[in-house]
Amino acid sequence: MEEVLVLYTTHPDRECARKITKILLEDRLVACGNIYPIESHYWWDDEVVHSEEYVVIYKTRHSLIDKIESVFNDHHPYDVPCIVRYKADANMDYKQWVIQETKRL
């Protein structure tokens, strides 16, 4: 069975998070996206800054990561978008659901 991934991503606002999630869902590149508001603190241009952002956690297949990154490159406003991948050690039924929902119809 193909490897299933969980992606941790950040977005500058809810609108951006929803827009990219919609594109990824419509293109069947992800099975699900969970959107959360967060407060981020990080280094940027040699100083510590903070901002309100939105995290989206996506569930997808390993083979789709290049296409997902392409969507981010085309639609995400950050110079350096965050896309962190985790191998999903999930139950078999959930893995099958992710694989099924990310197949083109």
PDB file of N, CA and C in Angstrom:
ATOM      1  N   MET A   1       0.851  -1.187   0.000  1.00  0.00           N
ATOM      2  CA  MET A   1       0.000   0.000   0.000  1.00  0.00           C
ATOM      3  C   MET A   1       0.893   1.245   0.000  1.00  0.00           C
ATOM      4  N   GLU A   2       0.480   2.226  -0.752  1.00  0.00           N
ATOM      5  CA  GLU A   2       1.257   3.459  -0.831  1.00  0.00           C
ATOM      6  C   GLU A   2       1.321   4.161   0.523  1.00  0.00           C
ATOM      7  N   GLU A   3       2.440   4.841   0.749  1.00  0.00           N
ATOM      8  CA  GLU A   3       2.634   5.570   2.002  1.00  0.00           C
ATOM      9  C   GLU A   3       1.700   6.778   2.073  1.00  0.00           C
ATOM     10  N   VAL A   4       1.081   6.948   3.232  1.00  0.00           N
ATOM     11  CA  VAL A   4       0.197   8.085   3.488  1.00  0.00           C
ATOM     12  C   VAL A   4       0.969   9.092   4.333  1.00  0.00           C
ATOM     13  N   LEU A   5       0.811  10.371   3.996  1.00  0.00           N
ATOM     14  CA  LEU A   5       1.494  11.445   4.705  1.00  0.00           C
ATOM     15  C   LEU A   5       0.505  12.388   5.374  1.00  0.00           C
ATOM     16  N   VAL A   6       0.962  13.009   6.449  1.00  0.00           N
ATOM     17  CA  VAL A   6       0.292  14.144   7.057  1.00  0.00           C
ATOM     18  C   VAL A   6       1.207  15.333   6.809  1.00  0.00           C
ATOM     19  N   LEU A   7       0.650  16.404   6.261  1.00  0.00           N
ATOM     20  CA  LEU A   7       1.422  17.613   5.981  1.00  0.00           C
ATOM     21  C   LEU A   7       1.022  18.710   6.955  1.00  0.00           C
ATOM     22  N   TYR A   8       2.016  19.356   7.535  1.00  0.00           N
ATOM     23  CA  TYR A   8       1.801  20.517   8.400  1.00  0.00           C
ATOM     24  C   TYR A   8       2.189  21.740   7.579  1.00  0.00           C
ATOM     25  N   THR A   9       1.246  22.673   7.383  1.00  0.00           N
ATOM     26  CA  THR A   9       1.507  23.865   6.581  1.00  0.00           C
ATOM     27  C   THR A   9       1.017  25.106   7.325  1.00  0.00           C
ATOM     28  N   THR A  10       1.602  26.264   6.995  1.00  0.00           N
ATOM     29  CA  THR A  10       1.144  27.518   7.588  1.00  0.00           C
ATOM     30  C   THR A  10       0.746  28.497   6.494  1.00  0.00           C
ATOM     31  N   HIS A  11      -0.197  29.370   6.845  1.00  0.00           N
ATOM     32  CA  HIS A  11      -0.763  30.338   5.903  1.00  0.00           C
ATOM     33  C   HIS A  11      -0.931  31.672   6.624  1.00  0.00           C
ATOM     34  N   PRO A  12      -0.849  32.791   5.900  1.00  0.00           N
ATOM     35  CA  PRO A  12      -0.917  34.096   6.556  1.00  0.00           C
ATOM     36  C   PRO A  12      -2.304  34.459   7.100  1.00  0.00           C
ATOM     37  N   ASP A  13      -3.344  33.861   6.540  1.00  0.00           N
ATOM     38  CA  ASP A  13      -4.696  34.182   6.983  1.00  0.00           C
ATOM     39  C   ASP A  13      -5.655  33.046   6.602  1.00  0.00           C
ATOM     40  N   ARG A  14      -6.860  33.128   7.139  1.00  0.00           N
ATOM     41  CA  ARG A  14      -7.870  32.088   6.897  1.00  0.00           C
ATOM     42  C   ARG A  14      -8.230  31.997   5.417  1.00  0.00           C
ATOM     43  N   GLU A  15      -8.304  33.145   4.751  1.00  0.00           N
ATOM     44  CA  GLU A  15      -8.662  33.161   3.329  1.00  0.00           C
ATOM     45  C   GLU A  15      -7.659  32.342   2.502  1.00  0.00           C
ATOM     46  N   CYS A  16      -6.385  32.555   2.735  1.00  0.00           N
ATOM     47  CA  CYS A  16      -5.351  31.814   2.015  1.00  0.00           C
ATOM     48  C   CYS A  16      -5.444  30.326   2.337  1.00  0.00           C
ATOM     49  N   ALA A  17      -5.614  29.992   3.613  1.00  0.00           N
ATOM     50  CA  ALA A  17      -5.720  28.588   4.022  1.00  0.00           C
ATOM     51  C   ALA A  17      -6.903  27.908   3.328  1.00  0.00           C
ATOM     52  N   ARG A  18      -8.027  28.583   3.287  1.00  0.00           N
ATOM     53  CA  ARG A  18      -9.213  28.011   2.639  1.00  0.00           C
ATOM     54  C   ARG A  18      -9.034  27.902   1.124  1.00  0.00           C
ATOM     55  N   LYS A  19      -8.430  28.916   0.517  1.00  0.00           N
ATOM     56  CA  LYS A  19      -8.228  28.916  -0.937  1.00  0.00           C
ATOM     57  C   LYS A  19      -7.360  27.736  -1.363  1.00  0.00           C
ATOM     58  N   ILE A  20      -6.221  27.576  -0.718  1.00  0.00           N
ATOM     59  CA  ILE A  20      -5.316  26.490  -1.097  1.00  0.00           C
ATOM     60  C   ILE A  20      -5.938  25.133  -0.768  1.00  0.00           C
ATOM     61  N   THR A  21      -6.627  25.039   0.352  1.00  0.00           N
ATOM     62  CA  THR A  21      -7.302  23.780   0.704  1.00  0.00           C
ATOM     63  C   THR A  21      -8.339  23.418  -0.348  1.00  0.00           C
ATOM     64  N   LYS A  22      -9.096  24.389  -0.802  1.00  0.00           N
ATOM     65  CA  LYS A  22     -10.110  24.128  -1.831  1.00  0.00           C
ATOM     66  C   LYS A  22      -9.471  23.615  -3.117  1.00  0.00           C
ATOM     67  N   ILE A  23      -8.382  24.246  -3.543  1.00  0.00           N
ATOM     68  CA  ILE A  23      -7.687  23.803  -4.755  1.00  0.00           C
ATOM     69  C   ILE A  23      -7.204  22.366  -4.596  1.00  0.00           C
ATOM     70  N   LEU A  24      -6.565  22.078  -3.467  1.00  0.00           N
ATOM     71  CA  LEU A  24      -6.023  20.740  -3.238  1.00  0.00           C
ATOM     72  C   LEU A  24      -7.122  19.684  -3.182  1.00  0.00           C
ATOM     73  N   LEU A  25      -8.250  20.018  -2.555  1.00  0.00           N
ATOM     74  CA  LEU A  25      -9.373  19.074  -2.494  1.00  0.00           C
ATOM     75  C   LEU A  25      -9.991  18.868  -3.880  1.00  0.00           C
ATOM     76  N   GLU A  26     -10.223  19.952  -4.600  1.00  0.00           N
ATOM     77  CA  GLU A  26     -10.842  19.829  -5.922  1.00  0.00           C
ATOM     78  C   GLU A  26      -9.966  19.035  -6.890  1.00  0.00           C
ATOM     79  N   ASP A  27      -8.657  19.162  -6.746  1.00  0.00           N
ATOM     80  CA  ASP A  27      -7.729  18.415  -7.597  1.00  0.00           C
ATOM     81  C   ASP A  27      -7.439  17.015  -7.058  1.00  0.00           C
ATOM     82  N   ARG A  28      -8.098  16.654  -5.958  1.00  0.00           N
ATOM     83  CA  ARG A  28      -7.921  15.338  -5.317  1.00  0.00           C
ATOM     84  C   ARG A  28      -6.475  15.071  -4.916  1.00  0.00           C
ATOM     85  N   LEU A  29      -5.776  16.132  -4.518  1.00  0.00           N
ATOM     86  CA  LEU A  29      -4.401  15.994  -4.058  1.00  0.00           C
ATOM     87  C   LEU A  29      -4.334  15.718  -2.560  1.00  0.00           C
ATOM     88  N   VAL A  30      -5.393  16.038  -1.848  1.00  0.00           N
ATOM     89  CA  VAL A  30      -5.512  15.734  -0.425  1.00  0.00           C
ATOM     90  C   VAL A  30      -6.899  15.157  -0.166  1.00  0.00           C
ATOM     91  N   ALA A  31      -6.988  14.353   0.891  1.00  0.00           N
ATOM     92  CA  ALA A  31      -8.286  13.795   1.281  1.00  0.00           C
ATOM     93  C   ALA A  31      -8.995  14.702   2.277  1.00  0.00           C
ATOM     94  N   CYS A  32      -8.211  15.503   3.009  1.00  0.00           N
ATOM     95  CA  CYS A  32      -8.778  16.303   4.093  1.00  0.00           C
ATOM     96  C   CYS A  32      -7.817  17.422   4.441  1.00  0.00           C
ATOM     97  N   GLY A  33      -8.346  18.520   4.924  1.00  0.00           N
ATOM     98  CA  GLY A  33      -7.534  19.610   5.458  1.00  0.00           C
ATOM     99  C   GLY A  33      -8.188  20.162   6.709  1.00  0.00           C
ATOM    100  N   ASN A  34      -7.430  20.233   7.807  1.00  0.00           N
ATOM    101  CA  ASN A  34      -7.926  20.779   9.076  1.00  0.00           C
ATOM    102  C   ASN A  34      -7.271  22.131   9.304  1.00  0.00           C
ATOM    103  N   ILE A  35      -8.079  23.181   9.494  1.00  0.00           N
ATOM    104  CA  ILE A  35      -7.583  24.552   9.605  1.00  0.00           C
ATOM    105  C   ILE A  35      -7.687  25.026  11.056  1.00  0.00           C
ATOM    106  N   TYR A  36      -6.542  25.554  11.574  1.00  0.00           N
ATOM    107  CA  TYR A  36      -6.460  26.029  12.959  1.00  0.00           C
ATOM    108  C   TYR A  36      -5.807  27.411  13.005  1.00  0.00           C
ATOM    109  N   PRO A  37      -6.349  28.351  13.802  1.00  0.00           N
ATOM    110  CA  PRO A  37      -5.647  29.619  14.015  1.00  0.00           C
ATOM    111  C   PRO A  37      -4.505  29.398  15.021  1.00  0.00           C
ATOM    112  N   ILE A  38      -3.365  30.074  14.784  1.00  0.00           N
ATOM    113  CA  ILE A  38      -2.217  29.958  15.688  1.00  0.00           C
ATOM    114  C   ILE A  38      -1.523  31.307  15.822  1.00  0.00           C
ATOM    115  N   GLU A  39      -0.645  31.423  16.794  1.00  0.00           N
ATOM    116  CA  GLU A  39       0.251  32.559  16.932  1.00  0.00           C
ATOM    117  C   GLU A  39       1.662  32.030  16.741  1.00  0.00           C
ATOM    118  N   SER A  40       2.395  32.583  15.778  1.00  0.00           N
ATOM    119  CA  SER A  40       3.732  32.108  15.454  1.00  0.00           C
ATOM    120  C   SER A  40       4.789  33.121  15.884  1.00  0.00           C
ATOM    121  N   HIS A  41       5.889  32.604  16.390  1.00  0.00           N
ATOM    122  CA  HIS A  41       7.060  33.411  16.745  1.00  0.00           C
ATOM    123  C   HIS A  41       8.244  32.776  16.038  1.00  0.00           C
ATOM    124  N   TYR A  42       9.021  33.581  15.298  1.00  0.00           N
ATOM    125  CA  TYR A  42      10.080  33.002  14.471  1.00  0.00           C
ATOM    126  C   TYR A  42      11.104  34.061  14.075  1.00  0.00           C
ATOM    127  N   TRP A  43      12.243  33.587  13.595  1.00  0.00           N
ATOM    128  CA  TRP A  43      13.273  34.467  13.060  1.00  0.00           C
ATOM    129  C   TRP A  43      12.948  34.801  11.605  1.00  0.00           C
ATOM    130  N   TRP A  44      13.041  36.102  11.250  1.00  0.00           N
ATOM    131  CA  TRP A  44      12.897  36.530   9.862  1.00  0.00           C
ATOM    132  C   TRP A  44      13.710  37.817   9.690  1.00  0.00           C
ATOM    133  N   ASP A  45      14.559  37.851   8.679  1.00  0.00           N
ATOM    134  CA  ASP A  45      15.412  39.014   8.400  1.00  0.00           C
ATOM    135  C   ASP A  45      16.183  39.451   9.647  1.00  0.00           C
ATOM    136  N   ASP A  46      16.799  38.499  10.314  1.00  0.00           N
ATOM    137  CA  ASP A  46      17.678  38.742  11.466  1.00  0.00           C
ATOM    138  C   ASP A  46      16.977  39.320  12.689  1.00  0.00           C
ATOM    139  N   GLU A  47      15.695  39.098  12.803  1.00  0.00           N
ATOM    140  CA  GLU A  47      15.012  39.513  14.021  1.00  0.00           C
ATOM    141  C   GLU A  47      13.884  38.545  14.354  1.00  0.00           C
ATOM    142  N   VAL A  48      13.533  38.514  15.628  1.00  0.00           N
ATOM    143  CA  VAL A  48      12.419  37.683  16.063  1.00  0.00           C
ATOM    144  C   VAL A  48      11.132  38.461  15.831  1.00  0.00           C
ATOM    145  N   VAL A  49      10.214  37.835  15.133  1.00  0.00           N
ATOM    146  CA  VAL A  49       8.916  38.456  14.846  1.00  0.00           C
ATOM    147  C   VAL A  49       7.812  37.498  15.281  1.00  0.00           C
ATOM    148  N   HIS A  50       6.615  38.017  15.335  1.00  0.00           N
ATOM    149  CA  HIS A  50       5.468  37.147  15.614  1.00  0.00           C
ATOM    150  C   HIS A  50       4.299  37.601  14.746  1.00  0.00           C
ATOM    151  N   SER A  51       3.425  36.643  14.482  1.00  0.00           N
ATOM    152  CA  SER A  51       2.258  36.939  13.650  1.00  0.00           C
ATOM    153  C   SER A  51       1.176  35.912  13.929  1.00  0.00           C
ATOM    154  N   GLU A  52      -0.014  36.287  13.568  1.00  0.00           N
ATOM    155  CA  GLU A  52      -1.108  35.330  13.603  1.00  0.00           C
ATOM    156  C   GLU A  52      -1.134  34.639  12.253  1.00  0.00           C
ATOM    157  N   GLU A  53      -1.255  33.328  12.283  1.00  0.00           N
ATOM    158  CA  GLU A  53      -1.281  32.532  11.067  1.00  0.00           C
ATOM    159  C   GLU A  53      -2.356  31.465  11.199  1.00  0.00           C
ATOM    160  N   TYR A  54      -2.492  30.686  10.137  1.00  0.00           N
ATOM    161  CA  TYR A  54      -3.378  29.527  10.150  1.00  0.00           C
ATOM    162  C   TYR A  54      -2.590  28.307   9.726  1.00  0.00           C
ATOM    163  N   VAL A  55      -2.687  27.264  10.532  1.00  0.00           N
ATOM    164  CA  VAL A  55      -2.087  25.974  10.203  1.00  0.00           C
ATOM    165  C   VAL A  55      -3.142  25.153   9.485  1.00  0.00           C
ATOM    166  N   VAL A  56      -2.724  24.463   8.437  1.00  0.00           N
ATOM    167  CA  VAL A  56      -3.595  23.458   7.834  1.00  0.00           C
ATOM    168  C   VAL A  56      -2.835  22.146   7.869  1.00  0.00           C
ATOM    169  N   ILE A  57      -3.508  21.128   8.380  1.00  0.00           N
ATOM    170  CA  ILE A  57      -2.961  19.781   8.397  1.00  0.00           C
ATOM    171  C   ILE A  57      -3.696  18.994   7.319  1.00  0.00           C
ATOM    172  N   TYR A  58      -2.913  18.517   6.346  1.00  0.00           N
ATOM    173  CA  TYR A  58      -3.475  17.781   5.214  1.00  0.00           C
ATOM    174  C   TYR A  58      -3.144  16.297   5.326  1.00  0.00           C
ATOM    175  N   LYS A  59      -4.019  15.456   4.785  1.00  0.00           N
ATOM    176  CA  LYS A  59      -3.768  14.017   4.660  1.00  0.00           C
ATOM    177  C   LYS A  59      -3.720  13.688   3.178  1.00  0.00           C
ATOM    178  N   THR A  60      -2.643  13.002   2.763  1.00  0.00           N
ATOM    179  CA  THR A  60      -2.427  12.751   1.348  1.00  0.00           C
ATOM    180  C   THR A  60      -1.580  11.511   1.136  1.00  0.00           C
ATOM    181  N   ARG A  61      -1.272  11.243  -0.130  1.00  0.00           N
ATOM    182  CA  ARG A  61      -0.379  10.139  -0.510  1.00  0.00           C
ATOM    183  C   ARG A  61       1.007  10.683  -0.832  1.00  0.00           C
ATOM    184  N   HIS A  62       2.015   9.903  -0.560  1.00  0.00           N
ATOM    185  CA  HIS A  62       3.397  10.310  -0.811  1.00  0.00           C
ATOM    186  C   HIS A  62       3.615  10.699  -2.280  1.00  0.00           C
ATOM    187  N   SER A  63       3.017   9.993  -3.187  1.00  0.00           N
ATOM    188  CA  SER A  63       3.233  10.243  -4.621  1.00  0.00           C
ATOM    189  C   SER A  63       2.695  11.594  -5.093  1.00  0.00           C
ATOM    190  N   LEU A  64       1.909  12.279  -4.276  1.00  0.00           N
ATOM    191  CA  LEU A  64       1.301  13.543  -4.685  1.00  0.00           C
ATOM    192  C   LEU A  64       2.058  14.769  -4.185  1.00  0.00           C
ATOM    193  N   ILE A  65       3.132  14.579  -3.427  1.00  0.00           N
ATOM    194  CA  ILE A  65       3.797  15.709  -2.782  1.00  0.00           C
ATOM    195  C   ILE A  65       4.324  16.731  -3.792  1.00  0.00           C
ATOM    196  N   ASP A  66       4.864  16.296  -4.913  1.00  0.00           N
ATOM    197  CA  ASP A  66       5.375  17.259  -5.898  1.00  0.00           C
ATOM    198  C   ASP A  66       4.264  18.141  -6.457  1.00  0.00           C
ATOM    199  N   LYS A  67       3.108  17.562  -6.709  1.00  0.00           N
ATOM    200  CA  LYS A  67       1.969  18.343  -7.222  1.00  0.00           C
ATOM    201  C   LYS A  67       1.462  19.316  -6.156  1.00  0.00           C
ATOM    202  N   ILE A  68       1.442  18.883  -4.908  1.00  0.00           N
ATOM    203  CA  ILE A  68       1.012  19.759  -3.807  1.00  0.00           C
ATOM    204  C   ILE A  68       1.974  20.936  -3.680  1.00  0.00           C
ATOM    205  N   GLU A  69       3.272  20.664  -3.723  1.00  0.00           N
ATOM    206  CA  GLU A  69       4.254  21.740  -3.643  1.00  0.00           C
ATOM    207  C   GLU A  69       4.113  22.705  -4.813  1.00  0.00           C
ATOM    208  N   SER A  70       3.750  22.211  -5.970  1.00  0.00           N
ATOM    209  CA  SER A  70       3.519  23.071  -7.125  1.00  0.00           C
ATOM    210  C   SER A  70       2.339  24.017  -6.886  1.00  0.00           C
ATOM    211  N   VAL A  71       1.274  23.507  -6.276  1.00  0.00           N
ATOM    212  CA  VAL A  71       0.123  24.362  -5.936  1.00  0.00           C
ATOM    213  C   VAL A  71       0.565  25.459  -4.973  1.00  0.00           C
ATOM    214  N   PHE A  72       1.353  25.100  -3.960  1.00  0.00           N
ATOM    215  CA  PHE A  72       1.854  26.105  -3.018  1.00  0.00           C
ATOM    216  C   PHE A  72       2.704  27.142  -3.746  1.00  0.00           C
ATOM    217  N   ASN A  73       3.582  26.709  -4.639  1.00  0.00           N
ATOM    218  CA  ASN A  73       4.421  27.646  -5.379  1.00  0.00           C
ATOM    219  C   ASN A  73       3.594  28.608  -6.215  1.00  0.00           C
ATOM    220  N   ASP A  74       2.478  28.142  -6.748  1.00  0.00           N
ATOM    221  CA  ASP A  74       1.618  28.968  -7.598  1.00  0.00           C
ATOM    222  C   ASP A  74       0.673  29.880  -6.821  1.00  0.00           C
ATOM    223  N   HIS A  75       0.273  29.480  -5.592  1.00  0.00           N
ATOM    224  CA  HIS A  75      -0.810  30.192  -4.910  1.00  0.00           C
ATOM    225  C   HIS A  75      -0.483  30.726  -3.522  1.00  0.00           C
ATOM    226  N   HIS A  76       0.626  30.321  -2.942  1.00  0.00           N
ATOM    227  CA  HIS A  76       0.945  30.733  -1.568  1.00  0.00           C
ATOM    228  C   HIS A  76       1.773  32.013  -1.594  1.00  0.00           C
ATOM    229  N   PRO A  77       1.448  33.009  -0.753  1.00  0.00           N
ATOM    230  CA  PRO A  77       2.149  34.288  -0.809  1.00  0.00           C
ATOM    231  C   PRO A  77       3.520  34.311  -0.125  1.00  0.00           C
ATOM    232  N   TYR A  78       3.847  33.341   0.716  1.00  0.00           N
ATOM    233  CA  TYR A  78       5.134  33.377   1.421  1.00  0.00           C
ATOM    234  C   TYR A  78       6.302  33.096   0.478  1.00  0.00           C
ATOM    235  N   ASP A  79       7.417  33.739   0.741  1.00  0.00           N
ATOM    236  CA  ASP A  79       8.653  33.440   0.009  1.00  0.00           C
ATOM    237  C   ASP A  79       9.109  32.012   0.302  1.00  0.00           C
ATOM    238  N   VAL A  80       8.895  31.584   1.534  1.00  0.00           N
ATOM    239  CA  VAL A  80       9.311  30.253   1.973  1.00  0.00           C
ATOM    240  C   VAL A  80       8.114  29.579   2.657  1.00  0.00           C
ATOM    241  N   PRO A  81       7.206  28.974   1.882  1.00  0.00           N
ATOM    242  CA  PRO A  81       6.065  28.308   2.508  1.00  0.00           C
ATOM    243  C   PRO A  81       6.511  27.096   3.322  1.00  0.00           C
ATOM    244  N   CYS A  82       5.828  26.874   4.415  1.00  0.00           N
ATOM    245  CA  CYS A  82       6.108  25.726   5.286  1.00  0.00           C
ATOM    246  C   CYS A  82       5.277  24.532   4.824  1.00  0.00           C
ATOM    247  N   ILE A  83       5.964  23.462   4.434  1.00  0.00           N
ATOM    248  CA  ILE A  83       5.302  22.199   4.121  1.00  0.00           C
ATOM    249  C   ILE A  83       6.143  21.110   4.781  1.00  0.00           C
ATOM    250  N   VAL A  84       5.731  20.687   5.953  1.00  0.00           N
ATOM    251  CA  VAL A  84       6.464  19.663   6.696  1.00  0.00           C
ATOM    252  C   VAL A  84       5.703  18.350   6.555  1.00  0.00           C
ATOM    253  N   ARG A  85       6.419  17.289   6.188  1.00  0.00           N
ATOM    254  CA  ARG A  85       5.806  15.984   5.931  1.00  0.00           C
ATOM    255  C   ARG A  85       6.064  15.024   7.091  1.00  0.00           C
ATOM    256  N   TYR A  86       5.033  14.280   7.435  1.00  0.00           N
ATOM    257  CA  TYR A  86       5.151  13.218   8.429  1.00  0.00           C
ATOM    258  C   TYR A  86       4.536  11.945   7.839  1.00  0.00           C
ATOM    259  N   LYS A  87       5.228  10.848   7.987  1.00  0.00           N
ATOM    260  CA  LYS A  87       4.653   9.570   7.592  1.00  0.00           C
ATOM    261  C   LYS A  87       3.515   9.263   8.564  1.00  0.00           C
ATOM    262  N   ALA A  88       2.366   8.902   8.009  1.00  0.00           N
ATOM    263  CA  ALA A  88       1.192   8.634   8.840  1.00  0.00           C
ATOM    264  C   ALA A  88       1.139   7.157   9.215  1.00  0.00           C
ATOM    265  N   ASP A  89       1.326   6.885  10.479  1.00  0.00           N
ATOM    266  CA  ASP A  89       1.199   5.527  10.983  1.00  0.00           C
ATOM    267  C   ASP A  89      -0.234   5.373  11.481  1.00  0.00           C
ATOM    268  N   ALA A  90      -1.143   5.297  10.532  1.00  0.00           N
ATOM    269  CA  ALA A  90      -2.580   5.303  10.835  1.00  0.00           C
ATOM    270  C   ALA A  90      -3.167   3.905  10.679  1.00  0.00           C
ATOM    271  N   ASN A  91      -4.381   3.762  11.165  1.00  0.00           N
ATOM    272  CA  ASN A  91      -5.085   2.489  10.998  1.00  0.00           C
ATOM    273  C   ASN A  91      -5.365   2.240   9.514  1.00  0.00           C
ATOM    274  N   MET A  92      -5.465   0.977   9.146  1.00  0.00           N
ATOM    275  CA  MET A  92      -5.588   0.565   7.746  1.00  0.00           C
ATOM    276  C   MET A  92      -6.819   1.178   7.071  1.00  0.00           C
ATOM    277  N   ASP A  93      -7.951   1.217   7.753  1.00  0.00           N
ATOM    278  CA  ASP A  93      -9.157   1.797   7.152  1.00  0.00           C
ATOM    279  C   ASP A  93      -8.960   3.270   6.801  1.00  0.00           C
ATOM    280  N   TYR A  94      -8.276   4.011   7.684  1.00  0.00           N
ATOM    281  CA  TYR A  94      -8.044   5.428   7.415  1.00  0.00           C
ATOM    282  C   TYR A  94      -7.091   5.597   6.236  1.00  0.00           C
ATOM    283  N   LYS A  95      -6.022   4.814   6.195  1.00  0.00           N
ATOM    284  CA  LYS A  95      -5.093   4.882   5.071  1.00  0.00           C
ATOM    285  C   LYS A  95      -5.809   4.593   3.755  1.00  0.00           C
ATOM    286  N   GLN A  96      -6.662   3.587   3.757  1.00  0.00           N
ATOM    287  CA  GLN A  96      -7.398   3.249   2.532  1.00  0.00           C
ATOM    288  C   GLN A  96      -8.320   4.389   2.130  1.00  0.00           C
ATOM    289  N   TRP A  97      -8.926   5.052   3.112  1.00  0.00           N
ATOM    290  CA  TRP A  97      -9.799   6.193   2.818  1.00  0.00           C
ATOM    291  C   TRP A  97      -9.001   7.321   2.164  1.00  0.00           C
ATOM    292  N   VAL A  98      -7.826   7.643   2.714  1.00  0.00           N
ATOM    293  CA  VAL A  98      -6.992   8.702   2.145  1.00  0.00           C
ATOM    294  C   VAL A  98      -6.611   8.359   0.705  1.00  0.00           C
ATOM    295  N   ILE A  99      -6.186   7.140   0.484  1.00  0.00           N
ATOM    296  CA  ILE A  99      -5.801   6.724  -0.856  1.00  0.00           C
ATOM    297  C   ILE A  99      -6.975   6.796  -1.823  1.00  0.00           C
ATOM    298  N   GLN A 100      -8.118   6.316  -1.379  1.00  0.00           N
ATOM    299  CA  GLN A 100      -9.315   6.344  -2.222  1.00  0.00           C
ATOM    300  C   GLN A 100      -9.732   7.774  -2.584  1.00  0.00           C
ATOM    301  N   GLU A 101      -9.705   8.662  -1.615  1.00  0.00           N
ATOM    302  CA  GLU A 101     -10.176  10.031  -1.840  1.00  0.00           C
ATOM    303  C   GLU A 101      -9.187  10.885  -2.630  1.00  0.00           C
ATOM    304  N   THR A 102      -7.959  10.406  -2.786  1.00  0.00           N
ATOM    305  CA  THR A 102      -6.985  11.175  -3.561  1.00  0.00           C
ATOM    306  C   THR A 102      -6.722  10.562  -4.925  1.00  0.00           C
ATOM    307  N   LYS A 103      -7.636   9.716  -5.357  1.00  0.00           N
ATOM    308  CA  LYS A 103      -7.565   9.190  -6.715  1.00  0.00           C
ATOM    309  C   LYS A 103      -8.473  10.002  -7.611  1.00  0.00           C
ATOM    310  N   ARG A 104      -7.996  10.305  -8.784  1.00  0.00           N
ATOM    311  CA  ARG A 104      -8.839  11.038  -9.741  1.00  0.00           C
ATOM    312  C   ARG A 104     -10.007  10.161 -10.149  1.00  0.00           C
ATOM    313  N   LEU A 105     -11.177  10.779 -10.243  1.00  0.00           N
ATOM    314  CA  LEU A 105     -12.387  10.035 -10.631  1.00  0.00           C
ATOM    315  C   LEU A 105     -12.509   9.967 -12.131  1.00  0.00           C
TER     316      LEU A 105
END
